[in-house]
Amino acid sequence: MAPPPRKAFPLRLDPALHAAIERSAAGDLRSVNAQVECLLREALARRGVKLDAPTPARRGRPPRDGADDA
């Protein structure tokens, strides 16, 4: 089952803000995109906005089609 599609949109940031997010992302071992999403979720949670937990990306090798694992 594929995860739900993600919404892409352009985001214009002040270069100093982008640099700060890059540093924060590197410290948390995340991409800048994942860090922005995490920061937005934290900010919304502080405001009392409830969101479903994010669907984690599937990792590893996809299952083989039509083959038993026995």
PDB file of N, CA and C in Angstrom:
ATOM      1  N   MET A   1       0.849  -1.175   0.000  1.00  0.00           N
ATOM      2  CA  MET A   1       0.000   0.000   0.000  1.00  0.00           C
ATOM      3  C   MET A   1       0.894   1.238   0.000  1.00  0.00           C
ATOM      4  N   ALA A   2       0.671   2.127  -0.924  1.00  0.00           N
ATOM      5  CA  ALA A   2       1.486   3.338  -1.053  1.00  0.00           C
ATOM      6  C   ALA A   2       1.042   4.382  -0.029  1.00  0.00           C
ATOM      7  N   PRO A   3       2.008   5.148   0.506  1.00  0.00           N
ATOM      8  CA  PRO A   3       1.626   6.214   1.437  1.00  0.00           C
ATOM      9  C   PRO A   3       0.852   7.296   0.690  1.00  0.00           C
ATOM     10  N   PRO A   4       0.078   8.087   1.408  1.00  0.00           N
ATOM     11  CA  PRO A   4      -0.676   9.142   0.736  1.00  0.00           C
ATOM     12  C   PRO A   4       0.274  10.130   0.063  1.00  0.00           C
ATOM     13  N   PRO A   5      -0.157  10.735  -1.039  1.00  0.00           N
ATOM     14  CA  PRO A   5       0.722  11.686  -1.735  1.00  0.00           C
ATOM     15  C   PRO A   5       1.014  12.899  -0.860  1.00  0.00           C
ATOM     16  N   ARG A   6       2.170  13.486  -1.085  1.00  0.00           N
ATOM     17  CA  ARG A   6       2.570  14.660  -0.319  1.00  0.00           C
ATOM     18  C   ARG A   6       2.373  15.891  -1.189  1.00  0.00           C
ATOM     19  N   LYS A   7       2.049  16.985  -0.570  1.00  0.00           N
ATOM     20  CA  LYS A   7       1.810  18.246  -1.269  1.00  0.00           C
ATOM     21  C   LYS A   7       3.138  18.993  -1.403  1.00  0.00           C
ATOM     22  N   ALA A   8       3.501  19.339  -2.610  1.00  0.00           N
ATOM     23  CA  ALA A   8       4.722  20.103  -2.868  1.00  0.00           C
ATOM     24  C   ALA A   8       4.350  21.547  -3.183  1.00  0.00           C
ATOM     25  N   PHE A   9       5.122  22.488  -2.654  1.00  0.00           N
ATOM     26  CA  PHE A   9       4.899  23.894  -2.962  1.00  0.00           C
ATOM     27  C   PHE A   9       6.202  24.656  -2.742  1.00  0.00           C
ATOM     28  N   PRO A  10       6.393  25.753  -3.476  1.00  0.00           N
ATOM     29  CA  PRO A  10       7.616  26.549  -3.294  1.00  0.00           C
ATOM     30  C   PRO A  10       7.541  27.326  -1.983  1.00  0.00           C
ATOM     31  N   LEU A  11       8.669  27.465  -1.339  1.00  0.00           N
ATOM     32  CA  LEU A  11       8.745  28.194  -0.077  1.00  0.00           C
ATOM     33  C   LEU A  11       9.917  29.161  -0.148  1.00  0.00           C
ATOM     34  N   ARG A  12       9.647  30.420   0.023  1.00  0.00           N
ATOM     35  CA  ARG A  12      10.697  31.438   0.000  1.00  0.00           C
ATOM     36  C   ARG A  12      11.091  31.762   1.425  1.00  0.00           C
ATOM     37  N   LEU A  13      12.379  31.609   1.714  1.00  0.00           N
ATOM     38  CA  LEU A  13      12.896  31.858   3.057  1.00  0.00           C
ATOM     39  C   LEU A  13      14.030  32.856   3.011  1.00  0.00           C
ATOM     40  N   ASP A  14      14.158  33.602   4.080  1.00  0.00           N
ATOM     41  CA  ASP A  14      15.322  34.452   4.274  1.00  0.00           C
ATOM     42  C   ASP A  14      16.553  33.534   4.331  1.00  0.00           C
ATOM     43  N   PRO A  15      17.657  33.898   3.692  1.00  0.00           N
ATOM     44  CA  PRO A  15      18.839  33.027   3.696  1.00  0.00           C
ATOM     45  C   PRO A  15      19.353  32.690   5.103  1.00  0.00           C
ATOM     46  N   ALA A  16      19.256  33.621   6.023  1.00  0.00           N
ATOM     47  CA  ALA A  16      19.716  33.348   7.391  1.00  0.00           C
ATOM     48  C   ALA A  16      18.816  32.308   8.060  1.00  0.00           C
ATOM     49  N   LEU A  17      17.511  32.374   7.813  1.00  0.00           N
ATOM     50  CA  LEU A  17      16.574  31.390   8.358  1.00  0.00           C
ATOM     51  C   LEU A  17      16.854  30.015   7.758  1.00  0.00           C
ATOM     52  N   HIS A  18      17.085  29.974   6.453  1.00  0.00           N
ATOM     53  CA  HIS A  18      17.382  28.693   5.797  1.00  0.00           C
ATOM     54  C   HIS A  18      18.664  28.087   6.357  1.00  0.00           C
ATOM     55  N   ALA A  19      19.674  28.909   6.578  1.00  0.00           N
ATOM     56  CA  ALA A  19      20.939  28.419   7.136  1.00  0.00           C
ATOM     57  C   ALA A  19      20.723  27.862   8.547  1.00  0.00           C
ATOM     58  N   ALA A  20      19.898  28.533   9.335  1.00  0.00           N
ATOM     59  CA  ALA A  20      19.612  28.054  10.689  1.00  0.00           C
ATOM     60  C   ALA A  20      18.868  26.724  10.646  1.00  0.00           C
ATOM     61  N   ILE A  21      17.933  26.584   9.724  1.00  0.00           N
ATOM     62  CA  ILE A  21      17.197  25.321   9.585  1.00  0.00           C
ATOM     63  C   ILE A  21      18.134  24.216   9.120  1.00  0.00           C
ATOM     64  N   GLU A  22      19.057  24.531   8.211  1.00  0.00           N
ATOM     65  CA  GLU A  22      20.046  23.546   7.757  1.00  0.00           C
ATOM     66  C   GLU A  22      20.899  23.053   8.925  1.00  0.00           C
ATOM     67  N   ARG A  23      21.355  23.970   9.777  1.00  0.00           N
ATOM     68  CA  ARG A  23      22.168  23.579  10.935  1.00  0.00           C
ATOM     69  C   ARG A  23      21.361  22.703  11.893  1.00  0.00           C
ATOM     70  N   SER A  24      20.117  23.099  12.130  1.00  0.00           N
ATOM     71  CA  SER A  24      19.250  22.332  13.019  1.00  0.00           C
ATOM     72  C   SER A  24      18.977  20.942  12.441  1.00  0.00           C
ATOM     73  N   ALA A  25      18.738  20.870  11.138  1.00  0.00           N
ATOM     74  CA  ALA A  25      18.483  19.586  10.473  1.00  0.00           C
ATOM     75  C   ALA A  25      19.711  18.684  10.570  1.00  0.00           C
ATOM     76  N   ALA A  26      20.888  19.247  10.354  1.00  0.00           N
ATOM     77  CA  ALA A  26      22.113  18.445  10.436  1.00  0.00           C
ATOM     78  C   ALA A  26      22.295  17.889  11.849  1.00  0.00           C
ATOM     79  N   GLY A  27      21.984  18.688  12.850  1.00  0.00           N
ATOM     80  CA  GLY A  27      22.096  18.234  14.235  1.00  0.00           C
ATOM     81  C   GLY A  27      21.128  17.112  14.567  1.00  0.00           C
ATOM     82  N   ASP A  28      19.978  17.092  13.900  1.00  0.00           N
ATOM     83  CA  ASP A  28      18.961  16.066  14.131  1.00  0.00           C
ATOM     84  C   ASP A  28      19.030  14.939  13.103  1.00  0.00           C
ATOM     85  N   LEU A  29      20.036  14.984  12.216  1.00  0.00           N
ATOM     86  CA  LEU A  29      20.208  13.988  11.146  1.00  0.00           C
ATOM     87  C   LEU A  29      18.953  13.882  10.275  1.00  0.00           C
ATOM     88  N   ARG A  30      18.436  15.058   9.859  1.00  0.00           N
ATOM     89  CA  ARG A  30      17.261  15.121   8.989  1.00  0.00           C
ATOM     90  C   ARG A  30      17.605  15.965   7.773  1.00  0.00           C
ATOM     91  N   SER A  31      16.780  15.823   6.741  1.00  0.00           N
ATOM     92  CA  SER A  31      16.879  16.736   5.604  1.00  0.00           C
ATOM     93  C   SER A  31      16.241  18.058   6.007  1.00  0.00           C
ATOM     94  N   VAL A  32      16.528  19.096   5.237  1.00  0.00           N
ATOM     95  CA  VAL A  32      15.916  20.400   5.508  1.00  0.00           C
ATOM     96  C   VAL A  32      14.394  20.280   5.385  1.00  0.00           C
ATOM     97  N   ASN A  33      13.928  19.549   4.382  1.00  0.00           N
ATOM     98  CA  ASN A  33      12.496  19.376   4.196  1.00  0.00           C
ATOM     99  C   ASN A  33      11.861  18.706   5.415  1.00  0.00           C
ATOM    100  N   ALA A  34      12.475  17.622   5.893  1.00  0.00           N
ATOM    101  CA  ALA A  34      11.941  16.914   7.060  1.00  0.00           C
ATOM    102  C   ALA A  34      11.991  17.801   8.300  1.00  0.00           C
ATOM    103  N   GLN A  35      13.026  18.630   8.412  1.00  0.00           N
ATOM    104  CA  GLN A  35      13.142  19.519   9.571  1.00  0.00           C
ATOM    105  C   GLN A  35      12.048  20.577   9.548  1.00  0.00           C
ATOM    106  N   VAL A  36      11.774  21.144   8.370  1.00  0.00           N
ATOM    107  CA  VAL A  36      10.701  22.142   8.258  1.00  0.00           C
ATOM    108  C   VAL A  36       9.374  21.502   8.645  1.00  0.00           C
ATOM    109  N   GLU A  37       9.119  20.290   8.151  1.00  0.00           N
ATOM    110  CA  GLU A  37       7.871  19.607   8.487  1.00  0.00           C
ATOM    111  C   GLU A  37       7.781  19.348   9.989  1.00  0.00           C
ATOM    112  N   CYS A  38       8.874  18.924  10.597  1.00  0.00           N
ATOM    113  CA  CYS A  38       8.897  18.660  12.034  1.00  0.00           C
ATOM    114  C   CYS A  38       8.629  19.956  12.822  1.00  0.00           C
ATOM    115  N   LEU A  39       9.277  21.038  12.430  1.00  0.00           N
ATOM    116  CA  LEU A  39       9.080  22.315  13.119  1.00  0.00           C
ATOM    117  C   LEU A  39       7.645  22.805  12.983  1.00  0.00           C
ATOM    118  N   LEU A  40       7.054  22.626  11.809  1.00  0.00           N
ATOM    119  CA  LEU A  40       5.658  23.025  11.618  1.00  0.00           C
ATOM    120  C   LEU A  40       4.727  22.182  12.487  1.00  0.00           C
ATOM    121  N   ARG A  41       4.977  20.878  12.554  1.00  0.00           N
ATOM    122  CA  ARG A  41       4.146  20.012  13.399  1.00  0.00           C
ATOM    123  C   ARG A  41       4.266  20.413  14.867  1.00  0.00           C
ATOM    124  N   GLU A  42       5.488  20.714  15.327  1.00  0.00           N
ATOM    125  CA  GLU A  42       5.688  21.135  16.717  1.00  0.00           C
ATOM    126  C   GLU A  42       4.958  22.448  16.998  1.00  0.00           C
ATOM    127  N   ALA A  43       5.052  23.387  16.066  1.00  0.00           N
ATOM    128  CA  ALA A  43       4.385  24.679  16.252  1.00  0.00           C
ATOM    129  C   ALA A  43       2.870  24.505  16.307  1.00  0.00           C
ATOM    130  N   LEU A  44       2.315  23.663  15.431  1.00  0.00           N
ATOM    131  CA  LEU A  44       0.876  23.424  15.449  1.00  0.00           C
ATOM    132  C   LEU A  44       0.447  22.722  16.734  1.00  0.00           C
ATOM    133  N   ALA A  45       1.252  21.783  17.217  1.00  0.00           N
ATOM    134  CA  ALA A  45       0.929  21.081  18.463  1.00  0.00           C
ATOM    135  C   ALA A  45       0.890  22.064  19.632  1.00  0.00           C
ATOM    136  N   ARG A  46       1.830  23.020  19.663  1.00  0.00           N
ATOM    137  CA  ARG A  46       1.835  24.030  20.729  1.00  0.00           C
ATOM    138  C   ARG A  46       0.582  24.899  20.682  1.00  0.00           C
ATOM    139  N   ARG A  47       0.011  25.064  19.500  1.00  0.00           N
ATOM    140  CA  ARG A  47      -1.221  25.849  19.350  1.00  0.00           C
ATOM    141  C   ARG A  47      -2.471  25.005  19.562  1.00  0.00           C
ATOM    142  N   GLY A  48      -2.290  23.726  19.839  1.00  0.00           N
ATOM    143  CA  GLY A  48      -3.422  22.856  20.105  1.00  0.00           C
ATOM    144  C   GLY A  48      -4.053  22.245  18.885  1.00  0.00           C
ATOM    145  N   VAL A  49      -3.382  22.317  17.742  1.00  0.00           N
ATOM    146  CA  VAL A  49      -3.902  21.709  16.514  1.00  0.00           C
ATOM    147  C   VAL A  49      -3.500  20.240  16.500  1.00  0.00           C
ATOM    148  N   LYS A  50      -4.485  19.365  16.406  1.00  0.00           N
ATOM    149  CA  LYS A  50      -4.214  17.932  16.428  1.00  0.00           C
ATOM    150  C   LYS A  50      -4.060  17.413  14.995  1.00  0.00           C
ATOM    151  N   LEU A  51      -2.991  16.663  14.776  1.00  0.00           N
ATOM    152  CA  LEU A  51      -2.716  16.045  13.477  1.00  0.00           C
ATOM    153  C   LEU A  51      -2.512  14.552  13.670  1.00  0.00           C
ATOM    154  N   ASP A  52      -2.827  13.782  12.647  1.00  0.00           N
ATOM    155  CA  ASP A  52      -2.487  12.366  12.677  1.00  0.00           C
ATOM    156  C   ASP A  52      -0.969  12.235  12.624  1.00  0.00           C
ATOM    157  N   ALA A  53      -0.459  11.155  13.190  1.00  0.00           N
ATOM    158  CA  ALA A  53       0.976  10.900  13.131  1.00  0.00           C
ATOM    159  C   ALA A  53       1.392  10.747  11.674  1.00  0.00           C
ATOM    160  N   PRO A  54       2.574  11.237  11.321  1.00  0.00           N
ATOM    161  CA  PRO A  54       3.005  11.102   9.929  1.00  0.00           C
ATOM    162  C   PRO A  54       3.217   9.634   9.571  1.00  0.00           C
ATOM    163  N   THR A  55       2.930   9.298   8.319  1.00  0.00           N
ATOM    164  CA  THR A  55       3.155   7.941   7.841  1.00  0.00           C
ATOM    165  C   THR A  55       4.636   7.790   7.520  1.00  0.00           C
ATOM    166  N   PRO A  56       5.346   6.908   8.238  1.00  0.00           N
ATOM    167  CA  PRO A  56       6.776   6.775   7.963  1.00  0.00           C
ATOM    168  C   PRO A  56       7.014   6.181   6.579  1.00  0.00           C
ATOM    169  N   ALA A  57       8.113   6.584   5.977  1.00  0.00           N
ATOM    170  CA  ALA A  57       8.478   6.060   4.664  1.00  0.00           C
ATOM    171  C   ALA A  57       8.844   4.587   4.794  1.00  0.00           C
ATOM    172  N   ARG A  58       8.461   3.803   3.793  1.00  0.00           N
ATOM    173  CA  ARG A  58       8.841   2.396   3.799  1.00  0.00           C
ATOM    174  C   ARG A  58      10.313   2.289   3.477  1.00  0.00           C
ATOM    175  N   ARG A  59      11.009   1.477   4.243  1.00  0.00           N
ATOM    176  CA  ARG A  59      12.438   1.330   4.052  1.00  0.00           C
ATOM    177  C   ARG A  59      12.757  -0.097   3.663  1.00  0.00           C
ATOM    178  N   GLY A  60      13.866  -0.270   3.020  1.00  0.00           N
ATOM    179  CA  GLY A  60      14.315  -1.612   2.666  1.00  0.00           C
ATOM    180  C   GLY A  60      13.858  -2.036   1.286  1.00  0.00           C
ATOM    181  N   ARG A  61      14.130  -3.244   0.999  1.00  0.00           N
ATOM    182  CA  ARG A  61      13.836  -3.803  -0.315  1.00  0.00           C
ATOM    183  C   ARG A  61      12.356  -4.118  -0.433  1.00  0.00           C
ATOM    184  N   PRO A  62      11.742  -3.800  -1.578  1.00  0.00           N
ATOM    185  CA  PRO A  62      10.325  -4.131  -1.749  1.00  0.00           C
ATOM    186  C   PRO A  62      10.131  -5.640  -1.826  1.00  0.00           C
ATOM    187  N   PRO A  63       8.943  -6.126  -1.440  1.00  0.00           N
ATOM    188  CA  PRO A  63       8.705  -7.575  -1.500  1.00  0.00           C
ATOM    189  C   PRO A  63       8.724  -8.063  -2.938  1.00  0.00           C
ATOM    190  N   ARG A  64       9.157  -9.306  -3.108  1.00  0.00           N
ATOM    191  CA  ARG A  64       9.175  -9.917  -4.437  1.00  0.00           C
ATOM    192  C   ARG A  64       7.760 -10.260  -4.845  1.00  0.00           C
ATOM    193  N   ASP A  65       7.450 -10.072  -6.109  1.00  0.00           N
ATOM    194  CA  ASP A  65       6.118 -10.394  -6.632  1.00  0.00           C
ATOM    195  C   ASP A  65       5.996 -11.891  -6.885  1.00  0.00           C
ATOM    196  N   GLY A  66       4.952 -12.517  -6.323  1.00  0.00           N
ATOM    197  CA  GLY A  66       4.625 -13.896  -6.623  1.00  0.00           C
ATOM    198  C   GLY A  66       5.573 -14.943  -6.046  1.00  0.00           C
ATOM    199  N   ALA A  67       6.490 -14.557  -5.190  1.00  0.00           N
ATOM    200  CA  ALA A  67       7.435 -15.534  -4.642  1.00  0.00           C
ATOM    201  C   ALA A  67       7.138 -15.709  -3.143  1.00  0.00           C
ATOM    202  N   ASP A  68       7.193 -16.948  -2.702  1.00  0.00           N
ATOM    203  CA  ASP A  68       7.014 -17.247  -1.274  1.00  0.00           C
ATOM    204  C   ASP A  68       8.352 -17.052  -0.573  1.00  0.00           C
ATOM    205  N   ASP A  69       8.283 -16.615   0.683  1.00  0.00           N
ATOM    206  CA  ASP A  69       9.505 -16.416   1.461  1.00  0.00           C
ATOM    207  C   ASP A  69       9.907 -17.679   2.215  1.00  0.00           C
ATOM    208  N   ALA A  70       9.280 -18.808   1.927  1.00  0.00           N
ATOM    209  CA  ALA A  70       9.544 -20.060   2.656  1.00  0.00           C
ATOM    210  C   ALA A  70      10.842 -20.669   2.312  1.00  0.00           C
TER     211      ALA A  70
END
